[in-house]
Amino acid sequence: MLTNGTQIIAKVLEVNEIQVKYQRFDNPEGPLYLINIQEILRIVYNNGVIDTFITGEENSNNSNPSSEEIFKILTQKGNKVFIDSHDKSAIIHASNTMKEWGYWVLVDEEKDADFILRINFKRIAPGTYHGFAQFVEPEGNVVLKSTREVNGVANVDLNGKRVFIKKLINYEIRSFI
């Protein structure tokens, strides 16, 4: 994945301190491409190994990109999200609400995701739930951002958990984007 959010599917031939040499996956006999390391956020290899690189301006300071920069790259429209929660029905409610929104692509496996949306909540009374969500970078399981805590109380929709999830996504998660 590039620092601008672009994903290139390719066969990596060489990685050095300055550039990466690769051939496009859709044209393996085609030309050799070169890209500067500063333009690359990470490379995910077929065997699951991930290389993460420092980027652009940060490269001259020998520091890593900020969590805000990584957050912006990983959560761009069309990127892949894996929804994680201790509760299966919360995942179903979140998936349905996310599909209605249509901003990210939902994936079934964490390894396929650009980021993880972790939903943390608890039932505090019948039909009442309280919690928050975290945006997690999957490679190092690093929390990049957390939403504010919200409450969901069953109302016209008698499913308090679904009310909580919809409120969390529609008012908190969408406000980050």
N, C-alpha and C. Protein backbone atom coordinates (compact mmCIF):
# COMPACT_ATOMS: atom_id res chain seq x y z
N MET A 1 0.85 -1.18 0.00
CA MET A 1 0.00 0.00 0.00
C MET A 1 0.89 1.24 0.00
N LEU A 2 0.53 2.18 -0.86
CA LEU A 2 1.30 3.42 -0.95
C LEU A 2 0.82 4.41 0.10
N THR A 3 1.61 5.43 0.36
CA THR A 3 1.24 6.43 1.36
C THR A 3 0.01 7.21 0.95
N ASN A 4 -0.34 7.22 -0.33
CA ASN A 4 -1.54 7.92 -0.78
C ASN A 4 -2.77 7.02 -0.76
N GLY A 5 -2.61 5.78 -0.26
CA GLY A 5 -3.73 4.85 -0.15
C GLY A 5 -3.88 3.90 -1.32
N THR A 6 -3.14 4.11 -2.39
CA THR A 6 -3.22 3.25 -3.57
C THR A 6 -2.63 1.88 -3.24
N GLN A 7 -3.28 0.84 -3.73
CA GLN A 7 -2.76 -0.51 -3.57
C GLN A 7 -2.33 -1.02 -4.92
N ILE A 8 -1.13 -1.59 -4.96
CA ILE A 8 -0.60 -2.17 -6.19
C ILE A 8 -0.44 -3.66 -5.96
N ILE A 9 -1.02 -4.46 -6.83
CA ILE A 9 -0.84 -5.91 -6.75
C ILE A 9 0.29 -6.25 -7.69
N ALA A 10 1.38 -6.77 -7.11
CA ALA A 10 2.59 -6.96 -7.90
C ALA A 10 3.44 -8.07 -7.31
N LYS A 11 4.41 -8.49 -8.11
CA LYS A 11 5.46 -9.40 -7.64
C LYS A 11 6.67 -8.53 -7.32
N VAL A 12 7.05 -8.51 -6.05
CA VAL A 12 8.19 -7.71 -5.61
C VAL A 12 9.45 -8.47 -5.96
N LEU A 13 10.33 -7.81 -6.70
CA LEU A 13 11.57 -8.45 -7.13
C LEU A 13 12.76 -8.05 -6.26
N GLU A 14 12.75 -6.80 -5.77
CA GLU A 14 13.87 -6.33 -4.95
C GLU A 14 13.42 -5.17 -4.09
N VAL A 15 13.91 -5.15 -2.85
CA VAL A 15 13.68 -4.03 -1.95
C VAL A 15 15.04 -3.58 -1.44
N ASN A 16 15.35 -2.28 -1.60
CA ASN A 16 16.58 -1.75 -1.03
C ASN A 16 16.26 -0.46 -0.27
N GLU A 17 17.26 0.26 0.19
CA GLU A 17 17.04 1.45 1.00
C GLU A 17 16.37 2.59 0.24
N ILE A 18 16.42 2.56 -1.07
CA ILE A 18 15.96 3.67 -1.89
C ILE A 18 14.66 3.36 -2.63
N GLN A 19 14.55 2.15 -3.16
CA GLN A 19 13.41 1.84 -4.01
C GLN A 19 13.01 0.37 -3.94
N VAL A 20 11.86 0.11 -4.52
CA VAL A 20 11.36 -1.25 -4.66
C VAL A 20 11.20 -1.52 -6.15
N LYS A 21 11.68 -2.66 -6.59
CA LYS A 21 11.52 -3.08 -7.97
C LYS A 21 10.43 -4.14 -8.01
N TYR A 22 9.50 -4.00 -8.96
CA TYR A 22 8.40 -4.95 -9.04
C TYR A 22 7.88 -5.08 -10.46
N GLN A 23 7.11 -6.15 -10.67
CA GLN A 23 6.38 -6.34 -11.92
C GLN A 23 4.91 -6.46 -11.55
N ARG A 24 4.08 -5.82 -12.35
CA ARG A 24 2.64 -5.88 -12.09
C ARG A 24 2.15 -7.32 -12.18
N PHE A 25 1.27 -7.66 -11.27
CA PHE A 25 0.74 -9.01 -11.20
C PHE A 25 -0.05 -9.37 -12.46
N ASP A 26 -0.73 -8.38 -13.04
CA ASP A 26 -1.55 -8.64 -14.22
C ASP A 26 -0.73 -8.67 -15.51
N ASN A 27 0.59 -8.41 -15.40
CA ASN A 27 1.46 -8.43 -16.58
C ASN A 27 2.86 -8.91 -16.16
N PRO A 28 2.98 -10.17 -15.76
CA PRO A 28 4.25 -10.67 -15.20
C PRO A 28 5.41 -10.66 -16.19
N GLU A 29 5.14 -10.63 -17.47
CA GLU A 29 6.21 -10.57 -18.46
C GLU A 29 6.45 -9.13 -18.93
N GLY A 30 5.73 -8.19 -18.32
CA GLY A 30 5.81 -6.80 -18.73
C GLY A 30 7.03 -6.10 -18.15
N PRO A 31 7.01 -4.77 -18.19
CA PRO A 31 8.18 -3.99 -17.78
C PRO A 31 8.44 -4.07 -16.28
N LEU A 32 9.64 -3.73 -15.92
CA LEU A 32 10.07 -3.64 -14.52
C LEU A 32 9.72 -2.24 -14.04
N TYR A 33 9.06 -2.15 -12.90
CA TYR A 33 8.68 -0.86 -12.33
C TYR A 33 9.56 -0.58 -11.11
N LEU A 34 9.82 0.70 -10.88
CA LEU A 34 10.57 1.15 -9.71
C LEU A 34 9.73 2.18 -8.97
N ILE A 35 9.74 2.12 -7.66
CA ILE A 35 9.03 3.11 -6.86
C ILE A 35 9.88 3.45 -5.64
N ASN A 36 9.93 4.73 -5.30
CA ASN A 36 10.72 5.16 -4.15
C ASN A 36 10.12 4.66 -2.85
N ILE A 37 10.98 4.25 -1.95
CA ILE A 37 10.57 3.76 -0.64
C ILE A 37 9.69 4.78 0.09
N GLN A 38 9.97 6.09 -0.09
CA GLN A 38 9.20 7.12 0.60
C GLN A 38 7.73 7.11 0.22
N GLU A 39 7.39 6.50 -0.91
CA GLU A 39 6.01 6.46 -1.37
C GLU A 39 5.26 5.23 -0.85
N ILE A 40 5.96 4.36 -0.12
CA ILE A 40 5.37 3.09 0.31
C ILE A 40 5.11 3.10 1.80
N LEU A 41 3.89 2.72 2.18
CA LEU A 41 3.55 2.56 3.59
C LEU A 41 3.91 1.14 4.04
N ARG A 42 3.47 0.15 3.24
CA ARG A 42 3.77 -1.23 3.60
C ARG A 42 3.62 -2.14 2.40
N ILE A 43 4.31 -3.28 2.49
CA ILE A 43 4.19 -4.34 1.50
C ILE A 43 3.69 -5.58 2.23
N VAL A 44 2.64 -6.19 1.69
CA VAL A 44 2.12 -7.43 2.24
C VAL A 44 2.44 -8.52 1.23
N TYR A 45 3.27 -9.48 1.64
CA TYR A 45 3.69 -10.55 0.75
C TYR A 45 2.68 -11.70 0.77
N ASN A 46 2.74 -12.57 -0.22
CA ASN A 46 1.82 -13.71 -0.32
C ASN A 46 1.83 -14.60 0.90
N ASN A 47 2.98 -14.74 1.54
CA ASN A 47 3.09 -15.62 2.71
C ASN A 47 2.62 -14.96 4.00
N GLY A 48 2.10 -13.71 3.91
CA GLY A 48 1.57 -13.02 5.07
C GLY A 48 2.56 -12.10 5.77
N VAL A 49 3.83 -12.16 5.40
CA VAL A 49 4.84 -11.28 5.99
C VAL A 49 4.56 -9.85 5.53
N ILE A 50 4.72 -8.90 6.45
CA ILE A 50 4.45 -7.50 6.14
C ILE A 50 5.70 -6.68 6.44
N ASP A 51 6.10 -5.85 5.47
CA ASP A 51 7.17 -4.87 5.67
C ASP A 51 6.51 -3.50 5.74
N THR A 52 6.82 -2.72 6.78
CA THR A 52 6.31 -1.37 6.91
C THR A 52 7.47 -0.41 6.75
N PHE A 53 7.23 0.69 6.04
CA PHE A 53 8.29 1.65 5.74
C PHE A 53 7.94 3.02 6.29
N ILE A 54 8.96 3.80 6.61
CA ILE A 54 8.73 5.19 6.97
C ILE A 54 8.44 5.95 5.70
N THR A 55 7.76 7.08 5.84
CA THR A 55 7.27 7.76 4.64
C THR A 55 7.80 9.17 4.49
N GLY A 56 7.70 9.65 3.27
CA GLY A 56 7.93 11.03 2.87
C GLY A 56 8.77 11.88 3.77
N GLU A 57 8.16 12.95 4.32
CA GLU A 57 8.85 13.94 5.14
C GLU A 57 9.46 13.31 6.39
N GLU A 58 8.77 12.30 6.95
CA GLU A 58 9.29 11.66 8.15
C GLU A 58 10.60 10.94 7.88
N ASN A 59 10.81 10.52 6.62
CA ASN A 59 12.02 9.80 6.27
C ASN A 59 13.27 10.64 6.54
N SER A 60 13.20 11.94 6.31
CA SER A 60 14.36 12.80 6.53
C SER A 60 14.64 12.99 8.00
N ASN A 61 13.64 12.79 8.85
CA ASN A 61 13.82 12.94 10.29
C ASN A 61 14.08 11.60 10.98
N ASN A 62 14.10 10.51 10.20
CA ASN A 62 14.27 9.16 10.75
C ASN A 62 13.24 8.83 11.82
N SER A 63 11.99 9.25 11.61
CA SER A 63 10.92 8.89 12.53
C SER A 63 9.79 8.24 11.75
N ASN A 64 8.93 7.55 12.46
CA ASN A 64 7.82 6.86 11.83
C ASN A 64 6.67 7.82 11.55
N PRO A 65 5.79 7.48 10.59
CA PRO A 65 4.62 8.33 10.36
C PRO A 65 3.74 8.35 11.61
N SER A 66 3.05 9.45 11.82
CA SER A 66 2.19 9.56 13.00
C SER A 66 0.98 8.65 12.86
N SER A 67 0.36 8.35 13.98
CA SER A 67 -0.83 7.51 13.94
C SER A 67 -1.94 8.22 13.17
N GLU A 68 -1.98 9.55 13.20
CA GLU A 68 -2.97 10.31 12.43
C GLU A 68 -2.75 10.10 10.94
N GLU A 69 -1.51 10.13 10.48
CA GLU A 69 -1.21 9.91 9.06
C GLU A 69 -1.57 8.49 8.64
N ILE A 70 -1.22 7.53 9.46
CA ILE A 70 -1.55 6.14 9.16
C ILE A 70 -3.06 5.96 9.16
N PHE A 71 -3.75 6.58 10.13
CA PHE A 71 -5.20 6.50 10.20
C PHE A 71 -5.83 7.00 8.90
N LYS A 72 -5.39 8.16 8.41
CA LYS A 72 -5.95 8.73 7.19
C LYS A 72 -5.73 7.82 5.99
N ILE A 73 -4.57 7.20 5.91
CA ILE A 73 -4.27 6.31 4.79
C ILE A 73 -5.11 5.03 4.85
N LEU A 74 -5.17 4.42 6.02
CA LEU A 74 -5.84 3.12 6.16
C LEU A 74 -7.35 3.21 6.08
N THR A 75 -7.93 4.36 6.44
CA THR A 75 -9.39 4.46 6.49
C THR A 75 -9.99 5.21 5.31
N GLN A 76 -9.26 5.31 4.22
CA GLN A 76 -9.80 5.98 3.03
C GLN A 76 -10.98 5.20 2.47
N LYS A 77 -11.84 5.95 1.76
CA LYS A 77 -13.01 5.33 1.14
C LYS A 77 -12.59 4.19 0.23
N GLY A 78 -13.30 3.07 0.34
CA GLY A 78 -13.03 1.90 -0.48
C GLY A 78 -12.02 0.93 0.13
N ASN A 79 -11.36 1.33 1.22
CA ASN A 79 -10.42 0.42 1.87
C ASN A 79 -11.17 -0.70 2.58
N LYS A 80 -10.42 -1.71 2.98
CA LYS A 80 -11.01 -2.92 3.56
C LYS A 80 -10.98 -2.86 5.08
N VAL A 81 -12.13 -3.19 5.69
CA VAL A 81 -12.26 -3.18 7.14
C VAL A 81 -12.72 -4.55 7.63
N PHE A 82 -12.12 -4.97 8.73
CA PHE A 82 -12.54 -6.18 9.44
C PHE A 82 -13.18 -5.72 10.73
N ILE A 83 -14.40 -6.17 10.99
CA ILE A 83 -15.10 -5.77 12.22
C ILE A 83 -14.86 -6.84 13.28
N ASP A 84 -14.40 -6.38 14.44
CA ASP A 84 -14.06 -7.27 15.54
C ASP A 84 -14.88 -6.89 16.77
N SER A 85 -15.41 -7.87 17.45
CA SER A 85 -16.14 -7.65 18.70
C SER A 85 -16.22 -8.97 19.44
N HIS A 86 -16.45 -8.88 20.73
CA HIS A 86 -16.63 -10.08 21.54
C HIS A 86 -18.02 -10.70 21.33
N ASP A 87 -18.88 -10.02 20.59
CA ASP A 87 -20.27 -10.41 20.43
C ASP A 87 -20.61 -10.58 18.95
N LYS A 88 -21.01 -11.79 18.55
CA LYS A 88 -21.30 -12.06 17.14
C LYS A 88 -22.46 -11.24 16.60
N SER A 89 -23.50 -11.04 17.38
CA SER A 89 -24.62 -10.26 16.86
C SER A 89 -24.24 -8.79 16.67
N ALA A 90 -23.31 -8.29 17.48
CA ALA A 90 -22.82 -6.91 17.29
C ALA A 90 -22.09 -6.80 15.95
N ILE A 91 -21.33 -7.83 15.60
CA ILE A 91 -20.63 -7.85 14.30
C ILE A 91 -21.65 -7.84 13.16
N ILE A 92 -22.71 -8.61 13.30
CA ILE A 92 -23.75 -8.65 12.27
C ILE A 92 -24.43 -7.29 12.14
N HIS A 93 -24.80 -6.67 13.27
CA HIS A 93 -25.43 -5.34 13.24
C HIS A 93 -24.49 -4.31 12.62
N ALA A 94 -23.21 -4.37 13.01
CA ALA A 94 -22.23 -3.41 12.48
C ALA A 94 -22.03 -3.64 10.98
N SER A 95 -21.95 -4.89 10.57
CA SER A 95 -21.78 -5.19 9.14
C SER A 95 -22.96 -4.66 8.33
N ASN A 96 -24.16 -4.87 8.81
CA ASN A 96 -25.34 -4.39 8.10
C ASN A 96 -25.35 -2.87 8.00
N THR A 97 -25.01 -2.19 9.09
CA THR A 97 -24.98 -0.72 9.08
C THR A 97 -23.87 -0.21 8.17
N MET A 98 -22.72 -0.87 8.19
CA MET A 98 -21.61 -0.46 7.33
C MET A 98 -21.96 -0.68 5.86
N LYS A 99 -22.64 -1.75 5.55
CA LYS A 99 -23.05 -2.01 4.16
C LYS A 99 -24.01 -0.93 3.68
N GLU A 100 -24.92 -0.50 4.56
CA GLU A 100 -25.85 0.58 4.19
C GLU A 100 -25.06 1.85 3.88
N TRP A 101 -24.05 2.13 4.66
CA TRP A 101 -23.24 3.33 4.46
C TRP A 101 -22.44 3.23 3.17
N GLY A 102 -21.79 2.07 2.95
CA GLY A 102 -21.08 1.81 1.71
C GLY A 102 -19.73 2.51 1.57
N TYR A 103 -19.15 2.96 2.65
CA TYR A 103 -17.89 3.70 2.57
C TYR A 103 -16.67 2.79 2.47
N TRP A 104 -16.66 1.70 3.24
CA TRP A 104 -15.56 0.74 3.22
C TRP A 104 -16.05 -0.61 2.71
N VAL A 105 -15.08 -1.45 2.34
CA VAL A 105 -15.38 -2.82 1.92
C VAL A 105 -15.17 -3.72 3.12
N LEU A 106 -16.18 -4.50 3.46
CA LEU A 106 -16.07 -5.42 4.59
C LEU A 106 -15.37 -6.70 4.16
N VAL A 107 -14.45 -7.17 4.99
CA VAL A 107 -13.77 -8.44 4.71
C VAL A 107 -14.01 -9.40 5.87
N ASP A 108 -13.94 -10.69 5.58
CA ASP A 108 -14.24 -11.72 6.56
C ASP A 108 -13.04 -12.15 7.39
N GLU A 109 -11.85 -11.77 6.93
CA GLU A 109 -10.65 -12.18 7.65
C GLU A 109 -9.77 -10.98 7.96
N GLU A 110 -9.26 -10.96 9.17
CA GLU A 110 -8.42 -9.86 9.63
C GLU A 110 -7.21 -9.65 8.73
N LYS A 111 -6.64 -10.73 8.24
CA LYS A 111 -5.43 -10.64 7.41
C LYS A 111 -5.67 -9.91 6.08
N ASP A 112 -6.92 -9.82 5.65
CA ASP A 112 -7.26 -9.16 4.39
C ASP A 112 -7.58 -7.68 4.57
N ALA A 113 -7.62 -7.21 5.81
CA ALA A 113 -8.09 -5.85 6.11
C ALA A 113 -6.97 -4.82 6.07
N ASP A 114 -7.35 -3.60 5.66
CA ASP A 114 -6.45 -2.46 5.78
C ASP A 114 -6.45 -1.96 7.22
N PHE A 115 -7.58 -2.10 7.89
CA PHE A 115 -7.67 -1.75 9.31
C PHE A 115 -8.77 -2.58 9.96
N ILE A 116 -8.73 -2.60 11.29
CA ILE A 116 -9.71 -3.33 12.08
C ILE A 116 -10.57 -2.31 12.82
N LEU A 117 -11.87 -2.51 12.80
CA LEU A 117 -12.77 -1.72 13.61
C LEU A 117 -13.20 -2.60 14.77
N ARG A 118 -12.70 -2.29 15.96
CA ARG A 118 -12.97 -3.10 17.15
C ARG A 118 -14.06 -2.41 17.97
N ILE A 119 -15.15 -3.14 18.18
CA ILE A 119 -16.29 -2.59 18.92
C ILE A 119 -16.27 -3.18 20.33
N ASN A 120 -16.17 -2.29 21.31
CA ASN A 120 -16.11 -2.66 22.73
C ASN A 120 -17.36 -2.12 23.42
N PHE A 121 -18.11 -2.98 24.07
CA PHE A 121 -19.32 -2.51 24.75
C PHE A 121 -19.73 -3.48 25.84
N LYS A 122 -20.66 -3.01 26.66
CA LYS A 122 -21.25 -3.88 27.68
C LYS A 122 -22.71 -3.51 27.87
N ARG A 123 -23.45 -4.46 28.34
CA ARG A 123 -24.87 -4.25 28.65
C ARG A 123 -24.92 -3.67 30.05
N ILE A 124 -25.58 -2.53 30.20
CA ILE A 124 -25.63 -1.91 31.53
C ILE A 124 -27.01 -2.03 32.18
N ALA A 125 -28.00 -2.37 31.40
CA ALA A 125 -29.37 -2.64 31.89
C ALA A 125 -30.10 -3.32 30.75
N PRO A 126 -31.24 -3.94 31.01
CA PRO A 126 -31.98 -4.55 29.92
C PRO A 126 -32.26 -3.54 28.79
N GLY A 127 -31.83 -3.88 27.58
CA GLY A 127 -32.05 -3.03 26.42
C GLY A 127 -31.15 -1.81 26.34
N THR A 128 -30.15 -1.72 27.22
CA THR A 128 -29.26 -0.55 27.26
C THR A 128 -27.80 -1.00 27.18
N TYR A 129 -27.07 -0.41 26.22
CA TYR A 129 -25.68 -0.77 26.00
C TYR A 129 -24.82 0.48 26.01
N HIS A 130 -23.57 0.30 26.41
CA HIS A 130 -22.63 1.42 26.52
C HIS A 130 -21.28 0.95 26.00
N GLY A 131 -20.62 1.77 25.14
CA GLY A 131 -19.31 1.37 24.65
C GLY A 131 -18.74 2.33 23.63
N PHE A 132 -17.70 1.88 22.95
CA PHE A 132 -16.96 2.70 22.00
C PHE A 132 -16.33 1.80 20.96
N ALA A 133 -15.72 2.42 19.94
CA ALA A 133 -15.02 1.66 18.89
C ALA A 133 -13.59 2.14 18.79
N GLN A 134 -12.72 1.25 18.32
CA GLN A 134 -11.32 1.58 18.10
C GLN A 134 -10.96 1.26 16.66
N PHE A 135 -10.16 2.13 16.06
CA PHE A 135 -9.57 1.89 14.75
C PHE A 135 -8.19 1.31 15.01
N VAL A 136 -7.95 0.10 14.53
CA VAL A 136 -6.73 -0.63 14.86
C VAL A 136 -5.94 -0.94 13.60
N GLU A 137 -4.64 -0.67 13.64
CA GLU A 137 -3.73 -1.02 12.54
C GLU A 137 -3.43 -2.51 12.69
N PRO A 138 -3.76 -3.32 11.69
CA PRO A 138 -3.69 -4.77 11.87
C PRO A 138 -2.30 -5.36 12.04
N GLU A 139 -1.30 -4.74 11.45
CA GLU A 139 0.04 -5.34 11.51
C GLU A 139 0.55 -5.44 12.95
N GLY A 140 0.49 -4.35 13.68
CA GLY A 140 1.01 -4.35 15.04
C GLY A 140 -0.06 -4.31 16.10
N ASN A 141 -1.33 -4.44 15.69
CA ASN A 141 -2.46 -4.37 16.60
C ASN A 141 -2.43 -3.07 17.41
N VAL A 142 -2.07 -1.96 16.74
CA VAL A 142 -1.93 -0.66 17.38
C VAL A 142 -3.23 0.11 17.22
N VAL A 143 -3.76 0.63 18.33
CA VAL A 143 -4.96 1.45 18.29
C VAL A 143 -4.57 2.83 17.78
N LEU A 144 -5.13 3.23 16.64
CA LEU A 144 -4.83 4.53 16.04
C LEU A 144 -5.75 5.62 16.58
N LYS A 145 -7.01 5.28 16.79
CA LYS A 145 -8.00 6.22 17.32
C LYS A 145 -9.10 5.45 18.01
N SER A 146 -9.76 6.14 18.93
CA SER A 146 -10.94 5.60 19.59
C SER A 146 -12.06 6.62 19.51
N THR A 147 -13.28 6.13 19.39
CA THR A 147 -14.43 7.03 19.39
C THR A 147 -14.75 7.41 20.84
N ARG A 148 -15.63 8.38 20.97
CA ARG A 148 -16.18 8.68 22.29
C ARG A 148 -17.12 7.55 22.66
N GLU A 149 -17.40 7.43 23.94
CA GLU A 149 -18.34 6.41 24.39
C GLU A 149 -19.77 6.86 24.10
N VAL A 150 -20.60 5.90 23.74
CA VAL A 150 -22.01 6.18 23.47
C VAL A 150 -22.88 5.19 24.22
N ASN A 151 -24.13 5.59 24.41
CA ASN A 151 -25.14 4.73 24.99
C ASN A 151 -26.18 4.42 23.94
N GLY A 152 -26.70 3.23 23.98
CA GLY A 152 -27.80 2.86 23.11
C GLY A 152 -28.90 2.27 23.95
N VAL A 153 -30.09 2.80 23.80
CA VAL A 153 -31.24 2.35 24.58
C VAL A 153 -32.33 1.93 23.61
N ALA A 154 -32.90 0.76 23.87
CA ALA A 154 -34.00 0.28 23.03
C ALA A 154 -35.11 1.31 23.04
N ASN A 155 -35.66 1.58 21.85
CA ASN A 155 -36.74 2.54 21.71
C ASN A 155 -37.77 1.93 20.77
N VAL A 156 -38.09 2.60 19.69
CA VAL A 156 -39.01 2.02 18.70
C VAL A 156 -38.42 0.70 18.20
N ASP A 157 -37.10 0.69 18.00
CA ASP A 157 -36.40 -0.55 17.69
C ASP A 157 -36.14 -1.24 19.03
N LEU A 158 -36.77 -2.34 19.27
CA LEU A 158 -36.67 -3.00 20.57
C LEU A 158 -35.34 -3.69 20.82
N ASN A 159 -34.47 -3.68 19.83
CA ASN A 159 -33.15 -4.31 19.98
C ASN A 159 -32.13 -3.23 20.39
N GLY A 160 -31.86 -3.14 21.68
CA GLY A 160 -30.95 -2.12 22.21
C GLY A 160 -29.54 -2.24 21.67
N LYS A 161 -29.10 -3.45 21.41
CA LYS A 161 -27.75 -3.64 20.86
C LYS A 161 -27.65 -3.04 19.46
N ARG A 162 -28.67 -3.28 18.64
CA ARG A 162 -28.68 -2.73 17.29
C ARG A 162 -28.74 -1.20 17.34
N VAL A 163 -29.53 -0.65 18.26
CA VAL A 163 -29.61 0.80 18.43
C VAL A 163 -28.23 1.35 18.79
N PHE A 164 -27.55 0.70 19.73
CA PHE A 164 -26.21 1.12 20.15
C PHE A 164 -25.24 1.11 18.96
N ILE A 165 -25.21 0.02 18.20
CA ILE A 165 -24.28 -0.12 17.06
C ILE A 165 -24.57 0.95 16.01
N LYS A 166 -25.82 1.15 15.66
CA LYS A 166 -26.16 2.16 14.66
C LYS A 166 -25.74 3.55 15.12
N LYS A 167 -25.99 3.86 16.39
CA LYS A 167 -25.60 5.16 16.93
C LYS A 167 -24.08 5.32 16.90
N LEU A 168 -23.36 4.27 17.28
CA LEU A 168 -21.90 4.30 17.28
C LEU A 168 -21.36 4.56 15.88
N ILE A 169 -21.88 3.86 14.90
CA ILE A 169 -21.39 4.01 13.52
C ILE A 169 -21.85 5.34 12.91
N ASN A 170 -23.13 5.63 13.01
CA ASN A 170 -23.66 6.80 12.32
C ASN A 170 -23.25 8.14 12.94
N TYR A 171 -22.99 8.17 14.24
CA TYR A 171 -22.65 9.45 14.88
C TYR A 171 -21.19 9.56 15.29
N GLU A 172 -20.57 8.49 15.66
CA GLU A 172 -19.18 8.56 16.12
C GLU A 172 -18.18 8.19 15.02
N ILE A 173 -18.33 7.01 14.44
CA ILE A 173 -17.36 6.54 13.46
C ILE A 173 -17.40 7.43 12.21
N ARG A 174 -18.57 7.77 11.75
CA ARG A 174 -18.68 8.61 10.55
C ARG A 174 -18.12 10.01 10.78
N SER A 175 -18.10 10.48 12.03
CA SER A 175 -17.56 11.81 12.31
C SER A 175 -16.05 11.87 12.14
N PHE A 176 -15.37 10.72 12.18
CA PHE A 176 -13.92 10.67 11.96
C PHE A 176 -13.56 10.79 10.49
N ILE A 177 -14.51 10.52 9.63
CA ILE A 177 -14.23 10.42 8.20
C ILE A 177 -14.55 11.68 7.45
